[in-house]
């Protein structure tokens, strides 16, 4: 059981759970963020890939995945100005 807590790939963080309002905390890096980032950079470097290009790809995937469901809301907000 103690092994899980020391595992750098363990993504659980009880102190970073959603607030009582149900919204995630903003502008706060999750626990072990820097360690995870360094591991990702090392892995990508071993594959001769750029971390920033990889991150950009992930951003584009998220936008492409979520845009159809949020576009109507964005268009409505844009019309309210």
C-alpha atoms as a PDB file:
ATOM      1  CA  UNK A   1       0.000   0.000   0.000  1.00  0.00           C
ATOM      2  CA  UNK A   2       2.846   2.429   0.805  1.00  0.00           C
ATOM      3  CA  UNK A   3       4.282   1.759  -2.649  1.00  0.00           C
ATOM      4  CA  UNK A   4       1.379   3.564  -4.280  1.00  0.00           C
ATOM      5  CA  UNK A   5       2.091   6.774  -2.357  1.00  0.00           C
ATOM      6  CA  UNK A   6       5.704   6.860  -3.549  1.00  0.00           C
ATOM      7  CA  UNK A   7       4.901   5.927  -7.134  1.00  0.00           C
ATOM      8  CA  UNK A   8       5.661   8.945  -9.380  1.00  0.00           C
ATOM      9  CA  UNK A   9       2.923   7.732 -11.725  1.00  0.00           C
ATOM     10  CA  UNK A  10       0.287   7.798  -8.983  1.00  0.00           C
ATOM     11  CA  UNK A  11      -2.079  10.557 -10.011  1.00  0.00           C
ATOM     12  CA  UNK A  12      -4.176  10.669  -6.849  1.00  0.00           C
ATOM     13  CA  UNK A  13      -4.068  13.778  -4.711  1.00  0.00           C
ATOM     14  CA  UNK A  14      -6.565  13.953  -1.848  1.00  0.00           C
ATOM     15  CA  UNK A  15      -5.616  17.570  -1.054  1.00  0.00           C
ATOM     16  CA  UNK A  16      -6.439  18.684  -4.606  1.00  0.00           C
ATOM     17  CA  UNK A  17      -9.994  17.374  -4.766  1.00  0.00           C
ATOM     18  CA  UNK A  18     -12.850  19.561  -5.904  1.00  0.00           C
ATOM     19  CA  UNK A  19     -13.976  22.234  -3.497  1.00  0.00           C
ATOM     20  CA  UNK A  20     -17.342  22.092  -1.761  1.00  0.00           C
ATOM     21  CA  UNK A  21     -18.812  24.107  -4.647  1.00  0.00           C
ATOM     22  CA  UNK A  22     -17.989  21.209  -6.978  1.00  0.00           C
ATOM     23  CA  UNK A  23     -15.583  23.306  -9.039  1.00  0.00           C
ATOM     24  CA  UNK A  24     -11.900  22.399  -9.307  1.00  0.00           C
ATOM     25  CA  UNK A  25      -9.368  24.814  -7.849  1.00  0.00           C
ATOM     26  CA  UNK A  26      -7.847  27.002 -10.525  1.00  0.00           C
ATOM     27  CA  UNK A  27      -4.270  28.158 -11.010  1.00  0.00           C
ATOM     28  CA  UNK A  28      -2.820  25.605  -8.634  1.00  0.00           C
ATOM     29  CA  UNK A  29      -0.476  22.907  -9.834  1.00  0.00           C
ATOM     30  CA  UNK A  30      -1.456  19.430  -8.661  1.00  0.00           C
ATOM     31  CA  UNK A  31       0.812  17.614  -6.217  1.00  0.00           C
ATOM     32  CA  UNK A  32       3.940  16.220  -7.857  1.00  0.00           C
ATOM     33  CA  UNK A  33       3.258  18.275 -11.007  1.00  0.00           C
ATOM     34  CA  UNK A  34       6.915  19.165 -11.564  1.00  0.00           C
ATOM     35  CA  UNK A  35       8.048  15.570 -11.053  1.00  0.00           C
ATOM     36  CA  UNK A  36       5.470  14.308 -13.551  1.00  0.00           C
ATOM     37  CA  UNK A  37       6.433  17.001 -16.052  1.00  0.00           C
ATOM     38  CA  UNK A  38      10.117  16.077 -15.769  1.00  0.00           C
ATOM     39  CA  UNK A  39       9.290  12.401 -16.298  1.00  0.00           C
ATOM     40  CA  UNK A  40       7.211  13.241 -19.368  1.00  0.00           C
ATOM     41  CA  UNK A  41      10.016  15.414 -20.742  1.00  0.00           C
ATOM     42  CA  UNK A  42      12.539  12.609 -20.199  1.00  0.00           C
ATOM     43  CA  UNK A  43      10.306  10.065 -21.924  1.00  0.00           C
ATOM     44  CA  UNK A  44       9.656  12.344 -24.886  1.00  0.00           C
ATOM     45  CA  UNK A  45      13.343  13.245 -25.138  1.00  0.00           C
ATOM     46  CA  UNK A  46      14.200   9.538 -25.250  1.00  0.00           C
ATOM     47  CA  UNK A  47      11.802   9.319 -28.213  1.00  0.00           C
ATOM     48  CA  UNK A  48      13.425  12.385 -29.809  1.00  0.00           C
ATOM     49  CA  UNK A  49      10.190  14.378 -29.437  1.00  0.00           C
ATOM     50  CA  UNK A  50       9.665  17.931 -28.267  1.00  0.00           C
ATOM     51  CA  UNK A  51       7.743  18.360 -25.021  1.00  0.00           C
ATOM     52  CA  UNK A  52       6.161  21.567 -26.275  1.00  0.00           C
ATOM     53  CA  UNK A  53       5.082  20.058 -29.589  1.00  0.00           C
ATOM     54  CA  UNK A  54       3.597  17.113 -27.684  1.00  0.00           C
ATOM     55  CA  UNK A  55       1.803  19.483 -25.302  1.00  0.00           C
ATOM     56  CA  UNK A  56       0.499  21.497 -28.245  1.00  0.00           C
ATOM     57  CA  UNK A  57      -0.871  18.272 -29.772  1.00  0.00           C
ATOM     58  CA  UNK A  58      -2.674  17.509 -26.491  1.00  0.00           C
ATOM     59  CA  UNK A  59      -4.150  21.039 -26.475  1.00  0.00           C
ATOM     60  CA  UNK A  60      -5.425  20.598 -30.023  1.00  0.00           C
ATOM     61  CA  UNK A  61      -6.933  17.190 -29.171  1.00  0.00           C
ATOM     62  CA  UNK A  62      -8.792  18.686 -26.209  1.00  0.00           C
ATOM     63  CA  UNK A  63     -10.132  21.581 -28.249  1.00  0.00           C
ATOM     64  CA  UNK A  64     -11.239  19.295 -31.087  1.00  0.00           C
ATOM     65  CA  UNK A  65     -12.907  16.929 -28.627  1.00  0.00           C
ATOM     66  CA  UNK A  66     -14.736  19.567 -26.578  1.00  0.00           C
ATOM     67  CA  UNK A  67     -15.432  22.304 -29.122  1.00  0.00           C
ATOM     68  CA  UNK A  68     -18.652  20.749 -30.521  1.00  0.00           C
ATOM     69  CA  UNK A  69     -20.223  20.616 -27.071  1.00  0.00           C
ATOM     70  CA  UNK A  70     -19.105  24.081 -25.907  1.00  0.00           C
ATOM     71  CA  UNK A  71     -19.424  25.987 -29.186  1.00  0.00           C
ATOM     72  CA  UNK A  72     -23.133  26.822 -28.717  1.00  0.00           C
ATOM     73  CA  UNK A  73     -22.367  28.273 -25.281  1.00  0.00           C
ATOM     74  CA  UNK A  74     -19.439  30.262 -26.636  1.00  0.00           C
ATOM     75  CA  UNK A  75     -21.585  31.635 -29.464  1.00  0.00           C
ATOM     76  CA  UNK A  76     -24.335  32.652 -27.017  1.00  0.00           C
ATOM     77  CA  UNK A  77     -21.836  34.409 -24.744  1.00  0.00           C
ATOM     78  CA  UNK A  78     -20.337  36.195 -27.747  1.00  0.00           C
ATOM     79  CA  UNK A  79     -23.753  37.556 -28.685  1.00  0.00           C
ATOM     80  CA  UNK A  80     -24.357  38.976 -25.217  1.00  0.00           C
ATOM     81  CA  UNK A  81     -21.646  41.639 -25.499  1.00  0.00           C
END
